[in-house]
């Protein structure tokens, strides 16, 4: 989808993923793909910064949930969320995402976990 990007940065033993743009099914799959190379290299600590994704539709929520399940259950990794609006915090709470991840006010806080 035009206008969507997903930056990946490694900070120590943690990978930070920063999607920018509208998060739907297609862009959610693109976001999830950004986790694959670090996972293959053995990274298991991740930060997902959603500050650049002001709109997440229901399929995007599903992609985030599937990402969390893959990282936490399948890969025995951990995921911290930052930059999540109050609206999406409530949505993530409702669908059970917040039971599997921790939220932080910013990346610096998430990296210190």
C-alpha atoms as a PDB file:
ATOM      1  CA  UNK A   1       0.000   0.000   0.000  1.00  0.00           C
ATOM      2  CA  UNK A   2       1.335   3.427  -0.942  1.00  0.00           C
ATOM      3  CA  UNK A   3       2.362   5.557   1.988  1.00  0.00           C
ATOM      4  CA  UNK A   4       3.147   2.683   4.344  1.00  0.00           C
ATOM      5  CA  UNK A   5       6.659   1.978   5.594  1.00  0.00           C
ATOM      6  CA  UNK A   6       8.165  -0.067   8.356  1.00  0.00           C
ATOM      7  CA  UNK A   7      11.516   0.805   9.872  1.00  0.00           C
ATOM      8  CA  UNK A   8      13.576  -1.715  11.812  1.00  0.00           C
ATOM      9  CA  UNK A   9      16.384  -0.827  14.229  1.00  0.00           C
ATOM     10  CA  UNK A  10      18.402  -3.078  16.492  1.00  0.00           C
ATOM     11  CA  UNK A  11      19.388  -1.630  19.876  1.00  0.00           C
ATOM     12  CA  UNK A  12      21.510  -4.105  21.827  1.00  0.00           C
ATOM     13  CA  UNK A  13      19.517  -7.335  22.145  1.00  0.00           C
ATOM     14  CA  UNK A  14      16.237  -5.661  21.186  1.00  0.00           C
ATOM     15  CA  UNK A  15      14.688  -4.999  17.795  1.00  0.00           C
ATOM     16  CA  UNK A  16      12.503  -1.913  17.399  1.00  0.00           C
ATOM     17  CA  UNK A  17       9.887  -1.948  14.632  1.00  0.00           C
ATOM     18  CA  UNK A  18       8.264   1.362  13.628  1.00  0.00           C
ATOM     19  CA  UNK A  19       5.397   1.063  11.149  1.00  0.00           C
ATOM     20  CA  UNK A  20       4.193   4.329   9.624  1.00  0.00           C
ATOM     21  CA  UNK A  21       0.820   4.673   7.927  1.00  0.00           C
ATOM     22  CA  UNK A  22      -2.578   3.042   7.882  1.00  0.00           C
ATOM     23  CA  UNK A  23      -2.502  -0.457   9.377  1.00  0.00           C
ATOM     24  CA  UNK A  24      -4.846  -2.894   7.654  1.00  0.00           C
ATOM     25  CA  UNK A  25      -4.518  -6.524   6.559  1.00  0.00           C
ATOM     26  CA  UNK A  26      -1.928  -5.952   3.801  1.00  0.00           C
ATOM     27  CA  UNK A  27       0.189  -3.449   5.710  1.00  0.00           C
ATOM     28  CA  UNK A  28      -0.152  -5.551   8.857  1.00  0.00           C
ATOM     29  CA  UNK A  29       1.349  -8.500   6.988  1.00  0.00           C
ATOM     30  CA  UNK A  30       4.133  -6.194   5.793  1.00  0.00           C
ATOM     31  CA  UNK A  31       4.722  -5.105   9.391  1.00  0.00           C
ATOM     32  CA  UNK A  32       4.826  -8.725  10.582  1.00  0.00           C
ATOM     33  CA  UNK A  33       7.338  -9.575   7.852  1.00  0.00           C
ATOM     34  CA  UNK A  34       9.703  -6.974   9.334  1.00  0.00           C
ATOM     35  CA  UNK A  35      10.056  -9.210  12.411  1.00  0.00           C
ATOM     36  CA  UNK A  36      11.164 -12.285  10.473  1.00  0.00           C
ATOM     37  CA  UNK A  37      14.806 -11.456   9.743  1.00  0.00           C
ATOM     38  CA  UNK A  38      15.588 -10.483  13.364  1.00  0.00           C
ATOM     39  CA  UNK A  39      13.799 -13.633  14.561  1.00  0.00           C
ATOM     40  CA  UNK A  40      15.934 -15.747  12.236  1.00  0.00           C
ATOM     41  CA  UNK A  41      19.034 -14.121  13.768  1.00  0.00           C
ATOM     42  CA  UNK A  42      17.875 -15.129  17.250  1.00  0.00           C
ATOM     43  CA  UNK A  43      16.415 -11.842  18.479  1.00  0.00           C
ATOM     44  CA  UNK A  44      13.591 -12.476  20.954  1.00  0.00           C
ATOM     45  CA  UNK A  45      13.061  -9.014  22.492  1.00  0.00           C
ATOM     46  CA  UNK A  46      11.013  -6.580  20.435  1.00  0.00           C
ATOM     47  CA  UNK A  47       9.524  -3.125  20.723  1.00  0.00           C
ATOM     48  CA  UNK A  48       6.636  -2.179  18.437  1.00  0.00           C
ATOM     49  CA  UNK A  49       6.275   1.586  18.198  1.00  0.00           C
ATOM     50  CA  UNK A  50       2.798   2.392  16.892  1.00  0.00           C
ATOM     51  CA  UNK A  51       3.144   6.165  17.145  1.00  0.00           C
ATOM     52  CA  UNK A  52       3.197   6.439  13.341  1.00  0.00           C
ATOM     53  CA  UNK A  53       0.023   4.375  12.862  1.00  0.00           C
ATOM     54  CA  UNK A  54      -2.858   6.634  13.845  1.00  0.00           C
ATOM     55  CA  UNK A  55      -5.469   4.350  12.238  1.00  0.00           C
ATOM     56  CA  UNK A  56      -5.656   0.585  12.661  1.00  0.00           C
ATOM     57  CA  UNK A  57      -8.677  -1.165  11.168  1.00  0.00           C
ATOM     58  CA  UNK A  58     -10.073  -4.484  12.381  1.00  0.00           C
ATOM     59  CA  UNK A  59      -7.852  -6.523  10.048  1.00  0.00           C
ATOM     60  CA  UNK A  60      -4.846  -4.544  11.316  1.00  0.00           C
ATOM     61  CA  UNK A  61      -5.849  -5.405  14.887  1.00  0.00           C
ATOM     62  CA  UNK A  62      -5.946  -9.059  13.836  1.00  0.00           C
ATOM     63  CA  UNK A  63      -2.445  -8.756  12.375  1.00  0.00           C
ATOM     64  CA  UNK A  64      -1.150  -7.273  15.648  1.00  0.00           C
ATOM     65  CA  UNK A  65      -2.810 -10.096  17.612  1.00  0.00           C
ATOM     66  CA  UNK A  66      -1.285 -12.738  15.332  1.00  0.00           C
ATOM     67  CA  UNK A  67       2.114 -11.066  15.684  1.00  0.00           C
ATOM     68  CA  UNK A  68       1.850 -11.117  19.470  1.00  0.00           C
ATOM     69  CA  UNK A  69       0.825 -14.777  19.472  1.00  0.00           C
ATOM     70  CA  UNK A  70       3.720 -15.709  17.179  1.00  0.00           C
ATOM     71  CA  UNK A  71       6.313 -13.798  19.195  1.00  0.00           C
ATOM     72  CA  UNK A  72       5.132 -14.814  22.660  1.00  0.00           C
ATOM     73  CA  UNK A  73       3.878 -18.377  22.147  1.00  0.00           C
ATOM     74  CA  UNK A  74       5.686 -19.692  19.082  1.00  0.00           C
ATOM     75  CA  UNK A  75       9.045 -17.935  19.504  1.00  0.00           C
ATOM     76  CA  UNK A  76       9.095 -17.529  23.322  1.00  0.00           C
ATOM     77  CA  UNK A  77       9.907 -13.863  22.814  1.00  0.00           C
ATOM     78  CA  UNK A  78       8.688 -10.661  24.369  1.00  0.00           C
ATOM     79  CA  UNK A  79       7.049  -7.603  22.903  1.00  0.00           C
ATOM     80  CA  UNK A  80       6.689  -4.125  24.317  1.00  0.00           C
ATOM     81  CA  UNK A  81       4.283  -1.615  22.807  1.00  0.00           C
ATOM     82  CA  UNK A  82       4.883   2.118  22.715  1.00  0.00           C
ATOM     83  CA  UNK A  83       3.044   4.990  21.092  1.00  0.00           C
ATOM     84  CA  UNK A  84      -0.369   3.379  21.419  1.00  0.00           C
ATOM     85  CA  UNK A  85      -3.314   5.775  21.613  1.00  0.00           C
ATOM     86  CA  UNK A  86      -5.886   5.456  24.389  1.00  0.00           C
ATOM     87  CA  UNK A  87      -8.453   4.189  21.862  1.00  0.00           C
ATOM     88  CA  UNK A  88      -6.226   1.338  20.693  1.00  0.00           C
ATOM     89  CA  UNK A  89      -5.101   0.530  24.231  1.00  0.00           C
ATOM     90  CA  UNK A  90      -8.754  -0.165  25.005  1.00  0.00           C
ATOM     91  CA  UNK A  91      -9.165  -2.232  21.830  1.00  0.00           C
ATOM     92  CA  UNK A  92      -5.984  -4.206  22.600  1.00  0.00           C
ATOM     93  CA  UNK A  93      -7.233  -4.772  26.147  1.00  0.00           C
ATOM     94  CA  UNK A  94     -10.578  -6.043  24.841  1.00  0.00           C
ATOM     95  CA  UNK A  95      -9.052  -8.538  22.394  1.00  0.00           C
ATOM     96  CA  UNK A  96      -6.512  -9.782  24.940  1.00  0.00           C
ATOM     97  CA  UNK A  97      -3.298  -8.344  23.503  1.00  0.00           C
ATOM     98  CA  UNK A  98      -2.451  -6.437  26.676  1.00  0.00           C
ATOM     99  CA  UNK A  99      -2.376  -9.684  28.661  1.00  0.00           C
ATOM    100  CA  UNK A 100       0.596 -10.818  26.563  1.00  0.00           C
ATOM    101  CA  UNK A 101       2.651  -7.632  26.190  1.00  0.00           C
ATOM    102  CA  UNK A 102       3.743  -4.647  28.238  1.00  0.00           C
ATOM    103  CA  UNK A 103       3.143  -1.041  27.273  1.00  0.00           C
ATOM    104  CA  UNK A 104       5.541   1.820  27.836  1.00  0.00           C
ATOM    105  CA  UNK A 105       5.323   5.582  27.338  1.00  0.00           C
ATOM    106  CA  UNK A 106       8.361   5.660  25.024  1.00  0.00           C
ATOM    107  CA  UNK A 107      11.088   3.559  23.446  1.00  0.00           C
ATOM    108  CA  UNK A 108      13.688   4.469  26.061  1.00  0.00           C
ATOM    109  CA  UNK A 109      11.466   3.067  28.816  1.00  0.00           C
ATOM    110  CA  UNK A 110      10.737  -0.073  26.794  1.00  0.00           C
ATOM    111  CA  UNK A 111      14.436  -0.684  26.197  1.00  0.00           C
ATOM    112  CA  UNK A 112      15.138  -0.550  29.944  1.00  0.00           C
ATOM    113  CA  UNK A 113      12.636  -3.315  30.755  1.00  0.00           C
END
